[in-house]
PDB file of N, CA and C in Angstrom:
ATOM      1  N   MET A   1     -31.192  23.519   9.824  1.00  0.00           N
ATOM      2  CA  MET A   1     -30.046  23.438  10.683  1.00  0.00           C
ATOM      3  C   MET A   1     -29.117  22.306  10.212  1.00  0.00           C
ATOM      4  N   PHE A   2     -29.712  21.156   9.913  1.00  0.00           N
ATOM      5  CA  PHE A   2     -28.914  20.011   9.461  1.00  0.00           C
ATOM      6  C   PHE A   2     -28.181  20.336   8.170  1.00  0.00           C
ATOM      7  N   LEU A   3     -28.862  21.017   7.241  1.00  0.00           N
ATOM      8  CA  LEU A   3     -28.218  21.344   5.965  1.00  0.00           C
ATOM      9  C   LEU A   3     -27.067  22.323   6.161  1.00  0.00           C
ATOM     10  N   LEU A   4     -27.228  23.261   7.094  1.00  0.00           N
ATOM     11  CA  LEU A   4     -26.150  24.195   7.380  1.00  0.00           C
ATOM     12  C   LEU A   4     -24.932  23.457   7.941  1.00  0.00           C
ATOM     13  N   LEU A   5     -25.151  22.552   8.884  1.00  0.00           N
ATOM     14  CA  LEU A   5     -24.045  21.784   9.450  1.00  0.00           C
ATOM     15  C   LEU A   5     -23.399  20.887   8.403  1.00  0.00           C
ATOM     16  N   LEU A   6     -24.205  20.288   7.535  1.00  0.00           N
ATOM     17  CA  LEU A   6     -23.661  19.459   6.468  1.00  0.00           C
ATOM     18  C   LEU A   6     -22.812  20.292   5.509  1.00  0.00           C
ATOM     19  N   PHE A   7     -23.285  21.481   5.164  1.00  0.00           N
ATOM     20  CA  PHE A   7     -22.528  22.367   4.285  1.00  0.00           C
ATOM     21  C   PHE A   7     -21.199  22.759   4.921  1.00  0.00           C
ATOM     22  N   LEU A   8     -21.219  23.152   6.199  1.00  0.00           N
ATOM     23  CA  LEU A   8     -19.988  23.529   6.879  1.00  0.00           C
ATOM     24  C   LEU A   8     -19.021  22.362   6.965  1.00  0.00           C
ATOM     25  N   TYR A   9     -19.529  21.184   7.179  1.00  0.00           N
ATOM     26  CA  TYR A   9     -18.681  19.992   7.247  1.00  0.00           C
ATOM     27  C   TYR A   9     -18.013  19.727   5.891  1.00  0.00           C
ATOM     28  N   CYS A  10     -18.753  19.905   4.817  1.00  0.00           N
ATOM     29  CA  CYS A  10     -18.222  19.597   3.484  1.00  0.00           C
ATOM     30  C   CYS A  10     -17.191  20.616   3.014  1.00  0.00           C
ATOM     31  N   VAL A  11     -17.326  21.877   3.403  1.00  0.00           N
ATOM     32  CA  VAL A  11     -16.397  22.891   2.922  1.00  0.00           C
ATOM     33  C   VAL A  11     -15.212  23.107   3.846  1.00  0.00           C
ATOM     34  N   HIS A  12     -15.194  22.441   4.969  1.00  0.00           N
ATOM     35  CA  HIS A  12     -14.094  22.623   5.918  1.00  0.00           C
ATOM     36  C   HIS A  12     -12.791  22.162   5.273  1.00  0.00           C
ATOM     37  N   ASN A  13     -11.708  22.918   5.489  1.00  0.00           N
ATOM     38  CA  ASN A  13     -10.464  22.644   4.767  1.00  0.00           C
ATOM     39  C   ASN A  13      -9.729  21.386   5.216  1.00  0.00           C
ATOM     40  N   SER A  14     -10.068  20.822   6.382  1.00  0.00           N
ATOM     41  CA  SER A  14      -9.359  19.612   6.795  1.00  0.00           C
ATOM     42  C   SER A  14     -10.023  18.341   6.283  1.00  0.00           C
ATOM     43  N   ILE A  15     -11.150  18.472   5.627  1.00  0.00           N
ATOM     44  CA  ILE A  15     -11.857  17.318   5.085  1.00  0.00           C
ATOM     45  C   ILE A  15     -11.296  17.040   3.689  1.00  0.00           C
ATOM     46  N   GLN A  16     -10.982  15.798   3.413  1.00  0.00           N
ATOM     47  CA  GLN A  16     -10.385  15.457   2.126  1.00  0.00           C
ATOM     48  C   GLN A  16     -11.404  15.479   0.993  1.00  0.00           C
ATOM     49  N   GLY A  17     -12.645  15.243   1.263  1.00  0.00           N
ATOM     50  CA  GLY A  17     -13.667  15.206   0.236  1.00  0.00           C
ATOM     51  C   GLY A  17     -14.565  14.011   0.440  1.00  0.00           C
ATOM     52  N   LEU A  18     -15.666  14.016  -0.240  1.00  0.00           N
ATOM     53  CA  LEU A  18     -16.624  12.942  -0.069  1.00  0.00           C
ATOM     54  C   LEU A  18     -16.422  11.806  -1.056  1.00  0.00           C
ATOM     55  N   THR A  19     -15.665  12.043  -2.125  1.00  0.00           N
ATOM     56  CA  THR A  19     -15.443  10.996  -3.115  1.00  0.00           C
ATOM     57  C   THR A  19     -13.937  10.788  -3.308  1.00  0.00           C
ATOM     58  N   ILE A  20     -13.575   9.622  -3.751  1.00  0.00           N
ATOM     59  CA  ILE A  20     -12.182   9.299  -4.021  1.00  0.00           C
ATOM     60  C   ILE A  20     -12.050   9.068  -5.525  1.00  0.00           C
ATOM     61  N   PRO A  21     -11.176   9.838  -6.184  1.00  0.00           N
ATOM     62  CA  PRO A  21     -11.000   9.630  -7.620  1.00  0.00           C
ATOM     63  C   PRO A  21     -10.489   8.216  -7.898  1.00  0.00           C
ATOM     64  N   LEU A  22     -10.966   7.626  -8.975  1.00  0.00           N
ATOM     65  CA  LEU A  22     -10.624   6.245  -9.292  1.00  0.00           C
ATOM     66  C   LEU A  22      -9.148   6.054  -9.613  1.00  0.00           C
ATOM     67  N   GLU A  23      -8.473   7.087 -10.135  1.00  0.00           N
ATOM     68  CA  GLU A  23      -7.073   6.901 -10.511  1.00  0.00           C
ATOM     69  C   GLU A  23      -6.149   6.737  -9.297  1.00  0.00           C
ATOM     70  N   TYR A  24      -6.627   7.062  -8.079  1.00  0.00           N
ATOM     71  CA  TYR A  24      -5.808   6.909  -6.885  1.00  0.00           C
ATOM     72  C   TYR A  24      -5.967   5.540  -6.228  1.00  0.00           C
ATOM     73  N   ILE A  25      -6.897   4.760  -6.682  1.00  0.00           N
ATOM     74  CA  ILE A  25      -7.132   3.450  -6.080  1.00  0.00           C
ATOM     75  C   ILE A  25      -6.298   2.425  -6.832  1.00  0.00           C
ATOM     76  N   SER A  26      -5.401   1.769  -6.128  1.00  0.00           N
ATOM     77  CA  SER A  26      -4.578   0.747  -6.788  1.00  0.00           C
ATOM     78  C   SER A  26      -5.139  -0.633  -6.487  1.00  0.00           C
ATOM     79  N   GLN A  27      -5.009  -1.515  -7.429  1.00  0.00           N
ATOM     80  CA  GLN A  27      -5.534  -2.871  -7.270  1.00  0.00           C
ATOM     81  C   GLN A  27      -4.715  -3.673  -6.264  1.00  0.00           C
ATOM     82  N   SER A  28      -3.402  -3.453  -6.193  1.00  0.00           N
ATOM     83  CA  SER A  28      -2.561  -4.257  -5.318  1.00  0.00           C
ATOM     84  C   SER A  28      -2.067  -3.480  -4.108  1.00  0.00           C
ATOM     85  N   GLY A  29      -2.552  -2.253  -3.930  1.00  0.00           N
ATOM     86  CA  GLY A  29      -2.052  -1.398  -2.856  1.00  0.00           C
ATOM     87  C   GLY A  29      -2.646  -1.747  -1.509  1.00  0.00           C
ATOM     88  N   PRO A  30      -2.445  -0.872  -0.555  1.00  0.00           N
ATOM     89  CA  PRO A  30      -2.953  -1.108   0.802  1.00  0.00           C
ATOM     90  C   PRO A  30      -4.476  -1.083   0.833  1.00  0.00           C
ATOM     91  N   LEU A  31      -5.003  -1.346   1.984  1.00  0.00           N
ATOM     92  CA  LEU A  31      -6.449  -1.393   2.148  1.00  0.00           C
ATOM     93  C   LEU A  31      -7.100  -0.044   1.876  1.00  0.00           C
ATOM     94  N   TYR A  32      -6.404   1.022   2.213  1.00  0.00           N
ATOM     95  CA  TYR A  32      -6.948   2.365   2.003  1.00  0.00           C
ATOM     96  C   TYR A  32      -6.257   3.010   0.819  1.00  0.00           C
ATOM     97  N   PRO A  33      -7.004   3.726  -0.036  1.00  0.00           N
ATOM     98  CA  PRO A  33      -6.383   4.395  -1.186  1.00  0.00           C
ATOM     99  C   PRO A  33      -5.444   5.502  -0.726  1.00  0.00           C
ATOM    100  N   ARG A  34      -4.362   5.699  -1.498  1.00  0.00           N
ATOM    101  CA  ARG A  34      -3.353   6.682  -1.124  1.00  0.00           C
ATOM    102  C   ARG A  34      -3.229   7.754  -2.186  1.00  0.00           C
ATOM    103  N   LEU A  35      -2.827   8.930  -1.741  1.00  0.00           N
ATOM    104  CA  LEU A  35      -2.436  10.013  -2.630  1.00  0.00           C
ATOM    105  C   LEU A  35      -1.071  10.460  -2.125  1.00  0.00           C
ATOM    106  N   GLY A  36      -0.012  10.064  -2.789  1.00  0.00           N
ATOM    107  CA  GLY A  36       1.324  10.342  -2.281  1.00  0.00           C
ATOM    108  C   GLY A  36       1.553   9.544  -1.010  1.00  0.00           C
ATOM    109  N   ASP A  37       1.933  10.221   0.055  1.00  0.00           N
ATOM    110  CA  ASP A  37       2.162   9.555   1.329  1.00  0.00           C
ATOM    111  C   ASP A  37       1.018   9.784   2.314  1.00  0.00           C
ATOM    112  N   GLN A  38      -0.026  10.442   1.890  1.00  0.00           N
ATOM    113  CA  GLN A  38      -1.129  10.753   2.810  1.00  0.00           C
ATOM    114  C   GLN A  38      -2.322   9.848   2.516  1.00  0.00           C
ATOM    115  N   TYR A  39      -2.832   9.206   3.549  1.00  0.00           N
ATOM    116  CA  TYR A  39      -4.026   8.389   3.401  1.00  0.00           C
ATOM    117  C   TYR A  39      -5.257   9.276   3.328  1.00  0.00           C
ATOM    118  N   PHE A  40      -6.262   8.836   2.565  1.00  0.00           N
ATOM    119  CA  PHE A  40      -7.503   9.592   2.463  1.00  0.00           C
ATOM    120  C   PHE A  40      -8.302   9.558   3.752  1.00  0.00           C
ATOM    121  N   ASP A  41      -8.084   8.569   4.596  1.00  0.00           N
ATOM    122  CA  ASP A  41      -8.890   8.456   5.799  1.00  0.00           C
ATOM    123  C   ASP A  41      -8.225   9.114   7.006  1.00  0.00           C
ATOM    124  N   ASP A  42      -7.129   9.836   6.825  1.00  0.00           N
ATOM    125  CA  ASP A  42      -6.495  10.542   7.936  1.00  0.00           C
ATOM    126  C   ASP A  42      -7.455  11.583   8.492  1.00  0.00           C
ATOM    127  N   ARG A  43      -7.522  11.648   9.810  1.00  0.00           N
ATOM    128  CA  ARG A  43      -8.360  12.641  10.466  1.00  0.00           C
ATOM    129  C   ARG A  43      -7.502  13.440  11.418  1.00  0.00           C
ATOM    130  N   THR A  44      -7.666  14.746  11.373  1.00  0.00           N
ATOM    131  CA  THR A  44      -6.939  15.601  12.297  1.00  0.00           C
ATOM    132  C   THR A  44      -7.733  15.701  13.597  1.00  0.00           C
ATOM    133  N   VAL A  45      -7.085  16.227  14.616  1.00  0.00           N
ATOM    134  CA  VAL A  45      -7.770  16.429  15.896  1.00  0.00           C
ATOM    135  C   VAL A  45      -8.946  17.386  15.690  1.00  0.00           C
ATOM    136  N   TRP A  46      -8.718  18.433  14.887  1.00  0.00           N
ATOM    137  CA  TRP A  46      -9.775  19.405  14.652  1.00  0.00           C
ATOM    138  C   TRP A  46     -10.971  18.760  13.946  1.00  0.00           C
ATOM    139  N   SER A  47     -10.758  17.880  13.007  1.00  0.00           N
ATOM    140  CA  SER A  47     -11.890  17.261  12.309  1.00  0.00           C
ATOM    141  C   SER A  47     -12.675  16.351  13.245  1.00  0.00           C
ATOM    142  N   ILE A  48     -11.996  15.685  14.181  1.00  0.00           N
ATOM    143  CA  ILE A  48     -12.701  14.843  15.148  1.00  0.00           C
ATOM    144  C   ILE A  48     -13.500  15.713  16.114  1.00  0.00           C
ATOM    145  N   VAL A  49     -12.865  16.782  16.627  1.00  0.00           N
ATOM    146  CA  VAL A  49     -13.566  17.681  17.554  1.00  0.00           C
ATOM    147  C   VAL A  49     -14.738  18.342  16.848  1.00  0.00           C
ATOM    148  N   TRP A  50     -14.527  18.797  15.622  1.00  0.00           N
ATOM    149  CA  TRP A  50     -15.586  19.463  14.862  1.00  0.00           C
ATOM    150  C   TRP A  50     -16.784  18.533  14.649  1.00  0.00           C
ATOM    151  N   SER A  51     -16.528  17.295  14.268  1.00  0.00           N
ATOM    152  CA  SER A  51     -17.649  16.377  14.024  1.00  0.00           C
ATOM    153  C   SER A  51     -18.370  16.047  15.328  1.00  0.00           C
ATOM    154  N   CYS A  52     -17.631  15.938  16.430  1.00  0.00           N
ATOM    155  CA  CYS A  52     -18.280  15.697  17.734  1.00  0.00           C
ATOM    156  C   CYS A  52     -19.149  16.881  18.149  1.00  0.00           C
ATOM    157  N   LEU A  53     -18.605  18.084  18.025  1.00  0.00           N
ATOM    158  CA  LEU A  53     -19.377  19.271  18.412  1.00  0.00           C
ATOM    159  C   LEU A  53     -20.595  19.472  17.520  1.00  0.00           C
ATOM    160  N   ALA A  54     -20.442  19.240  16.231  1.00  0.00           N
ATOM    161  CA  ALA A  54     -21.576  19.388  15.322  1.00  0.00           C
ATOM    162  C   ALA A  54     -22.666  18.366  15.642  1.00  0.00           C
ATOM    163  N   THR A  55     -22.265  17.138  15.972  1.00  0.00           N
ATOM    164  CA  THR A  55     -23.241  16.105  16.327  1.00  0.00           C
ATOM    165  C   THR A  55     -23.945  16.443  17.629  1.00  0.00           C
ATOM    166  N   LEU A  56     -23.177  16.880  18.631  1.00  0.00           N
ATOM    167  CA  LEU A  56     -23.786  17.265  19.909  1.00  0.00           C
ATOM    168  C   LEU A  56     -24.745  18.431  19.743  1.00  0.00           C
ATOM    169  N   PHE A  57     -24.341  19.421  18.951  1.00  0.00           N
ATOM    170  CA  PHE A  57     -25.210  20.581  18.737  1.00  0.00           C
ATOM    171  C   PHE A  57     -26.486  20.184  18.013  1.00  0.00           C
ATOM    172  N   ALA A  58     -26.366  19.396  16.960  1.00  0.00           N
ATOM    173  CA  ALA A  58     -27.549  18.992  16.198  1.00  0.00           C
ATOM    174  C   ALA A  58     -28.495  18.145  17.049  1.00  0.00           C
ATOM    175  N   CYS A  59     -27.949  17.200  17.792  1.00  0.00           N
ATOM    176  CA  CYS A  59     -28.800  16.356  18.645  1.00  0.00           C
ATOM    177  C   CYS A  59     -29.430  17.163  19.761  1.00  0.00           C
ATOM    178  N   GLY A  60     -28.657  18.051  20.353  1.00  0.00           N
ATOM    179  CA  GLY A  60     -29.201  18.895  21.423  1.00  0.00           C
ATOM    180  C   GLY A  60     -30.281  19.833  20.921  1.00  0.00           C
ATOM    181  N   TRP A  61     -30.080  20.402  19.747  1.00  0.00           N
ATOM    182  CA  TRP A  61     -31.065  21.345  19.200  1.00  0.00           C
ATOM    183  C   TRP A  61     -32.397  20.640  18.918  1.00  0.00           C
ATOM    184  N   VAL A  62     -32.319  19.425  18.436  1.00  0.00           N
ATOM    185  CA  VAL A  62     -33.540  18.680  18.126  1.00  0.00           C
ATOM    186  C   VAL A  62     -34.208  18.161  19.395  1.00  0.00           C
ATOM    187  N   ALA A  63     -33.401  17.797  20.390  1.00  0.00           N
ATOM    188  CA  ALA A  63     -33.947  17.177  21.601  1.00  0.00           C
ATOM    189  C   ALA A  63     -34.564  18.179  22.574  1.00  0.00           C
ATOM    190  N   VAL A  64     -34.115  19.420  22.542  1.00  0.00           N
ATOM    191  CA  VAL A  64     -34.610  20.408  23.505  1.00  0.00           C
ATOM    192  C   VAL A  64     -36.002  20.873  23.089  1.00  0.00           C
ATOM    193  N   HIS A  65     -36.940  20.736  24.022  1.00  0.00           N
ATOM    194  CA  HIS A  65     -38.306  21.223  23.809  1.00  0.00           C
ATOM    195  C   HIS A  65     -38.659  22.142  24.970  1.00  0.00           C
ATOM    196  N   PRO A  66     -38.305  23.436  24.851  1.00  0.00           N
ATOM    197  CA  PRO A  66     -38.558  24.344  25.969  1.00  0.00           C
ATOM    198  C   PRO A  66     -40.045  24.609  26.155  1.00  0.00           C
ATOM    199  N   ASN A  67     -40.355  25.273  27.256  1.00  0.00           N
ATOM    200  CA  ASN A  67     -41.741  25.600  27.548  1.00  0.00           C
ATOM    201  C   ASN A  67     -42.324  26.499  26.463  1.00  0.00           C
ATOM    202  N   VAL A  68     -43.631  26.520  26.366  1.00  0.00           N
ATOM    203  CA  VAL A  68     -44.306  27.389  25.412  1.00  0.00           C
ATOM    204  C   VAL A  68     -44.070  28.826  25.855  1.00  0.00           C
ATOM    205  N   PRO A  69     -43.545  29.678  24.973  1.00  0.00           N
ATOM    206  CA  PRO A  69     -43.248  31.057  25.374  1.00  0.00           C
ATOM    207  C   PRO A  69     -44.520  31.878  25.510  1.00  0.00           C
ATOM    208  N   SER A  70     -44.425  32.929  26.309  1.00  0.00           N
ATOM    209  CA  SER A  70     -45.574  33.823  26.451  1.00  0.00           C
ATOM    210  C   SER A  70     -45.678  34.704  25.212  1.00  0.00           C
ATOM    211  N   ALA A  71     -46.805  35.381  25.086  1.00  0.00           N
ATOM    212  CA  ALA A  71     -47.023  36.249  23.929  1.00  0.00           C
ATOM    213  C   ALA A  71     -46.084  37.454  23.960  1.00  0.00           C
ATOM    214  N   LYS A  72     -45.575  37.820  25.131  1.00  0.00           N
ATOM    215  CA  LYS A  72     -44.693  38.986  25.268  1.00  0.00           C
ATOM    216  C   LYS A  72     -43.238  38.669  24.928  1.00  0.00           C
ATOM    217  N   ASP A  73     -42.879  37.400  24.868  1.00  0.00           N
ATOM    218  CA  ASP A  73     -41.493  37.029  24.583  1.00  0.00           C
ATOM    219  C   ASP A  73     -41.155  37.277  23.120  1.00  0.00           C
ATOM    220  N   GLY A  74     -39.988  37.875  22.903  1.00  0.00           N
ATOM    221  CA  GLY A  74     -39.514  38.119  21.550  1.00  0.00           C
ATOM    222  C   GLY A  74     -38.716  36.930  21.029  1.00  0.00           C
ATOM    223  N   GLU A  75     -38.334  37.014  19.768  1.00  0.00           N
ATOM    224  CA  GLU A  75     -37.575  35.928  19.153  1.00  0.00           C
ATOM    225  C   GLU A  75     -36.217  35.732  19.824  1.00  0.00           C
ATOM    226  N   ALA A  76     -35.553  36.842  20.188  1.00  0.00           N
ATOM    227  CA  ALA A  76     -34.236  36.737  20.821  1.00  0.00           C
ATOM    228  C   ALA A  76     -34.335  36.054  22.178  1.00  0.00           C
ATOM    229  N   ARG A  77     -35.369  36.379  22.944  1.00  0.00           N
ATOM    230  CA  ARG A  77     -35.551  35.761  24.262  1.00  0.00           C
ATOM    231  C   ARG A  77     -35.844  34.265  24.133  1.00  0.00           C
ATOM    232  N   ILE A  78     -36.657  33.908  23.165  1.00  0.00           N
ATOM    233  CA  ILE A  78     -36.985  32.492  22.935  1.00  0.00           C
ATOM    234  C   ILE A  78     -35.729  31.727  22.518  1.00  0.00           C
ATOM    235  N   LEU A  79     -34.952  32.305  21.593  1.00  0.00           N
ATOM    236  CA  LEU A  79     -33.711  31.665  21.139  1.00  0.00           C
ATOM    237  C   LEU A  79     -32.718  31.550  22.286  1.00  0.00           C
ATOM    238  N   GLY A  80     -32.592  32.606  23.089  1.00  0.00           N
ATOM    239  CA  GLY A  80     -31.682  32.579  24.226  1.00  0.00           C
ATOM    240  C   GLY A  80     -32.068  31.521  25.240  1.00  0.00           C
ATOM    241  N   ARG A  81     -33.357  31.403  25.530  1.00  0.00           N
ATOM    242  CA  ARG A  81     -33.817  30.389  26.479  1.00  0.00           C
ATOM    243  C   ARG A  81     -33.521  28.990  25.951  1.00  0.00           C
ATOM    244  N   ARG A  82     -33.704  28.798  24.654  1.00  0.00           N
ATOM    245  CA  ARG A  82     -33.436  27.485  24.072  1.00  0.00           C
ATOM    246  C   ARG A  82     -31.943  27.159  24.104  1.00  0.00           C
ATOM    247  N   LEU A  83     -31.095  28.148  23.827  1.00  0.00           N
ATOM    248  CA  LEU A  83     -29.654  27.931  23.862  1.00  0.00           C
ATOM    249  C   LEU A  83     -29.167  27.636  25.283  1.00  0.00           C
ATOM    250  N   VAL A  84     -29.719  28.336  26.278  1.00  0.00           N
ATOM    251  CA  VAL A  84     -29.339  28.076  27.669  1.00  0.00           C
ATOM    252  C   VAL A  84     -29.763  26.675  28.076  1.00  0.00           C
ATOM    253  N   THR A  85     -30.978  26.273  27.708  1.00  0.00           N
ATOM    254  CA  THR A  85     -31.445  24.930  28.027  1.00  0.00           C
ATOM    255  C   THR A  85     -30.575  23.884  27.344  1.00  0.00           C
ATOM    256  N   MET A  86     -30.195  24.135  26.094  1.00  0.00           N
ATOM    257  CA  MET A  86     -29.346  23.195  25.375  1.00  0.00           C
ATOM    258  C   MET A  86     -27.958  23.137  26.000  1.00  0.00           C
ATOM    259  N   GLY A  87     -27.423  24.279  26.432  1.00  0.00           N
ATOM    260  CA  GLY A  87     -26.128  24.291  27.104  1.00  0.00           C
ATOM    261  C   GLY A  87     -26.154  23.504  28.406  1.00  0.00           C
ATOM    262  N   CYS A  88     -27.240  23.665  29.172  1.00  0.00           N
ATOM    263  CA  CYS A  88     -27.391  22.880  30.404  1.00  0.00           C
ATOM    264  C   CYS A  88     -27.472  21.399  30.075  1.00  0.00           C
ATOM    265  N   MET A  89     -28.153  21.064  28.998  1.00  0.00           N
ATOM    266  CA  MET A  89     -28.292  19.668  28.618  1.00  0.00           C
ATOM    267  C   MET A  89     -26.936  19.060  28.247  1.00  0.00           C
ATOM    268  N   LEU A  90     -26.096  19.839  27.588  1.00  0.00           N
ATOM    269  CA  LEU A  90     -24.779  19.330  27.211  1.00  0.00           C
ATOM    270  C   LEU A  90     -23.859  19.183  28.416  1.00  0.00           C
ATOM    271  N   LEU A  91     -23.968  20.096  29.379  1.00  0.00           N
ATOM    272  CA  LEU A  91     -23.092  20.056  30.547  1.00  0.00           C
ATOM    273  C   LEU A  91     -23.570  19.077  31.615  1.00  0.00           C
ATOM    274  N   ALA A  92     -24.881  19.039  31.847  1.00  0.00           N
ATOM    275  CA  ALA A  92     -25.427  18.170  32.903  1.00  0.00           C
ATOM    276  C   ALA A  92     -26.783  17.630  32.463  1.00  0.00           C
ATOM    277  N   PRO A  93     -26.782  16.589  31.633  1.00  0.00           N
ATOM    278  CA  PRO A  93     -28.047  16.075  31.099  1.00  0.00           C
ATOM    279  C   PRO A  93     -28.995  15.557  32.173  1.00  0.00           C
ATOM    280  N   GLU A  94     -28.459  15.095  33.297  1.00  0.00           N
ATOM    281  CA  GLU A  94     -29.339  14.579  34.341  1.00  0.00           C
ATOM    282  C   GLU A  94     -30.183  15.689  34.959  1.00  0.00           C
ATOM    283  N   LEU A  95     -29.690  16.937  34.941  1.00  0.00           N
ATOM    284  CA  LEU A  95     -30.487  18.043  35.466  1.00  0.00           C
ATOM    285  C   LEU A  95     -31.682  18.348  34.567  1.00  0.00           C
ATOM    286  N   VAL A  96     -31.507  18.207  33.274  1.00  0.00           N
ATOM    287  CA  VAL A  96     -32.623  18.434  32.350  1.00  0.00           C
ATOM    288  C   VAL A  96     -33.669  17.331  32.515  1.00  0.00           C
ATOM    289  N   ILE A  97     -33.233  16.106  32.743  1.00  0.00           N
ATOM    290  CA  ILE A  97     -34.173  15.011  32.994  1.00  0.00           C
ATOM    291  C   ILE A  97     -34.925  15.268  34.300  1.00  0.00           C
ATOM    292  N   TYR A  98     -34.201  15.736  35.329  1.00  0.00           N
ATOM    293  CA  TYR A  98     -34.838  16.075  36.607  1.00  0.00           C
ATOM    294  C   TYR A  98     -35.863  17.191  36.418  1.00  0.00           C
ATOM    295  N   TRP A  99     -35.509  18.195  35.632  1.00  0.00           N
ATOM    296  CA  TRP A  99     -36.409  19.322  35.371  1.00  0.00           C
ATOM    297  C   TRP A  99     -37.674  18.844  34.649  1.00  0.00           C
ATOM    298  N   ALA A 100     -37.511  17.981  33.668  1.00  0.00           N
ATOM    299  CA  ALA A 100     -38.664  17.456  32.937  1.00  0.00           C
ATOM    300  C   ALA A 100     -39.551  16.604  33.851  1.00  0.00           C
ATOM    301  N   ALA A 101     -38.944  15.786  34.713  1.00  0.00           N
ATOM    302  CA  ALA A 101     -39.731  14.969  35.640  1.00  0.00           C
ATOM    303  C   ALA A 101     -40.483  15.853  36.629  1.00  0.00           C
ATOM    304  N   LYS A 102     -39.835  16.896  37.105  1.00  0.00           N
ATOM    305  CA  LYS A 102     -40.480  17.829  38.036  1.00  0.00           C
ATOM    306  C   LYS A 102     -41.687  18.502  37.376  1.00  0.00           C
ATOM    307  N   GLN A 103     -41.548  18.918  36.125  1.00  0.00           N
ATOM    308  CA  GLN A 103     -42.666  19.518  35.404  1.00  0.00           C
ATOM    309  C   GLN A 103     -43.784  18.507  35.186  1.00  0.00           C
ATOM    310  N   HIS A 104     -43.431  17.270  34.905  1.00  0.00           N
ATOM    311  CA  HIS A 104     -44.434  16.230  34.686  1.00  0.00           C
ATOM    312  C   HIS A 104     -45.274  16.007  35.948  1.00  0.00           C
ATOM    313  N   PHE A 105     -44.609  15.882  37.087  1.00  0.00           N
ATOM    314  CA  PHE A 105     -45.346  15.659  38.336  1.00  0.00           C
ATOM    315  C   PHE A 105     -46.139  16.888  38.749  1.00  0.00           C
ATOM    316  N   SER A 106     -45.635  18.090  38.448  1.00  0.00           N
ATOM    317  CA  SER A 106     -46.405  19.301  38.733  1.00  0.00           C
ATOM    318  C   SER A 106     -47.657  19.363  37.876  1.00  0.00           C
ATOM    319  N   ALA A 107     -47.536  18.958  36.626  1.00  0.00           N
ATOM    320  CA  ALA A 107     -48.698  18.943  35.734  1.00  0.00           C
ATOM    321  C   ALA A 107     -49.728  17.919  36.204  1.00  0.00           C
ATOM    322  N   LYS A 108     -49.271  16.782  36.706  1.00  0.00           N
ATOM    323  CA  LYS A 108     -50.202  15.793  37.257  1.00  0.00           C
ATOM    324  C   LYS A 108     -50.968  16.350  38.448  1.00  0.00           C
ATOM    325  N   GLU A 109     -50.291  17.114  39.325  1.00  0.00           N
ATOM    326  CA  GLU A 109     -50.958  17.728  40.472  1.00  0.00           C
ATOM    327  C   GLU A 109     -52.016  18.729  40.030  1.00  0.00           C
ATOM    328  N   VAL A 110     -51.724  19.495  39.014  1.00  0.00           N
ATOM    329  CA  VAL A 110     -52.693  20.470  38.504  1.00  0.00           C
ATOM    330  C   VAL A 110     -53.927  19.768  37.960  1.00  0.00           C
ATOM    331  N   VAL A 111     -53.729  18.661  37.250  1.00  0.00           N
ATOM    332  CA  VAL A 111     -54.855  17.908  36.691  1.00  0.00           C
ATOM    333  C   VAL A 111     -55.713  17.334  37.816  1.00  0.00           C
ATOM    334  N   VAL A 112     -55.080  16.831  38.864  1.00  0.00           N
ATOM    335  CA  VAL A 112     -55.830  16.240  39.978  1.00  0.00           C
ATOM    336  C   VAL A 112     -56.626  17.315  40.712  1.00  0.00           C
ATOM    337  N   LYS A 113     -56.081  18.522  40.885  1.00  0.00           N
ATOM    338  CA  LYS A 113     -56.771  19.592  41.604  1.00  0.00           C
ATOM    339  C   LYS A 113     -57.946  20.139  40.818  1.00  0.00           C
ATOM    340  N   HIS A 114     -57.908  20.062  39.518  1.00  0.00           N
ATOM    341  CA  HIS A 114     -59.006  20.626  38.705  1.00  0.00           C
ATOM    342  C   HIS A 114     -59.818  19.526  38.198  1.00  0.00           C
TER     343      HIS A 114
END
């Protein structure tokens, strides 16, 4: 997943590139290297939104640990459940924390009863 996001980030057309050619760096110029009138560190709104969404998606995908699926659940159902849980986590993270705490205390009750 990380490699896919990294690849998409690198090939996106609003990204200037990962390296700066040496011929564009001037010894007496401004702090940032220039190419014509455009700075290499300029970021568009889309590049900022894209990097935020990619970071949120990657962190959410890694952080979500859904329940163990039953043997009858298919791959699509498992993926859908994980995406819904991740969407809830992005919209209302405190609800996911509440859900995890509720499961923890329920598991403690089961251990005490048996």
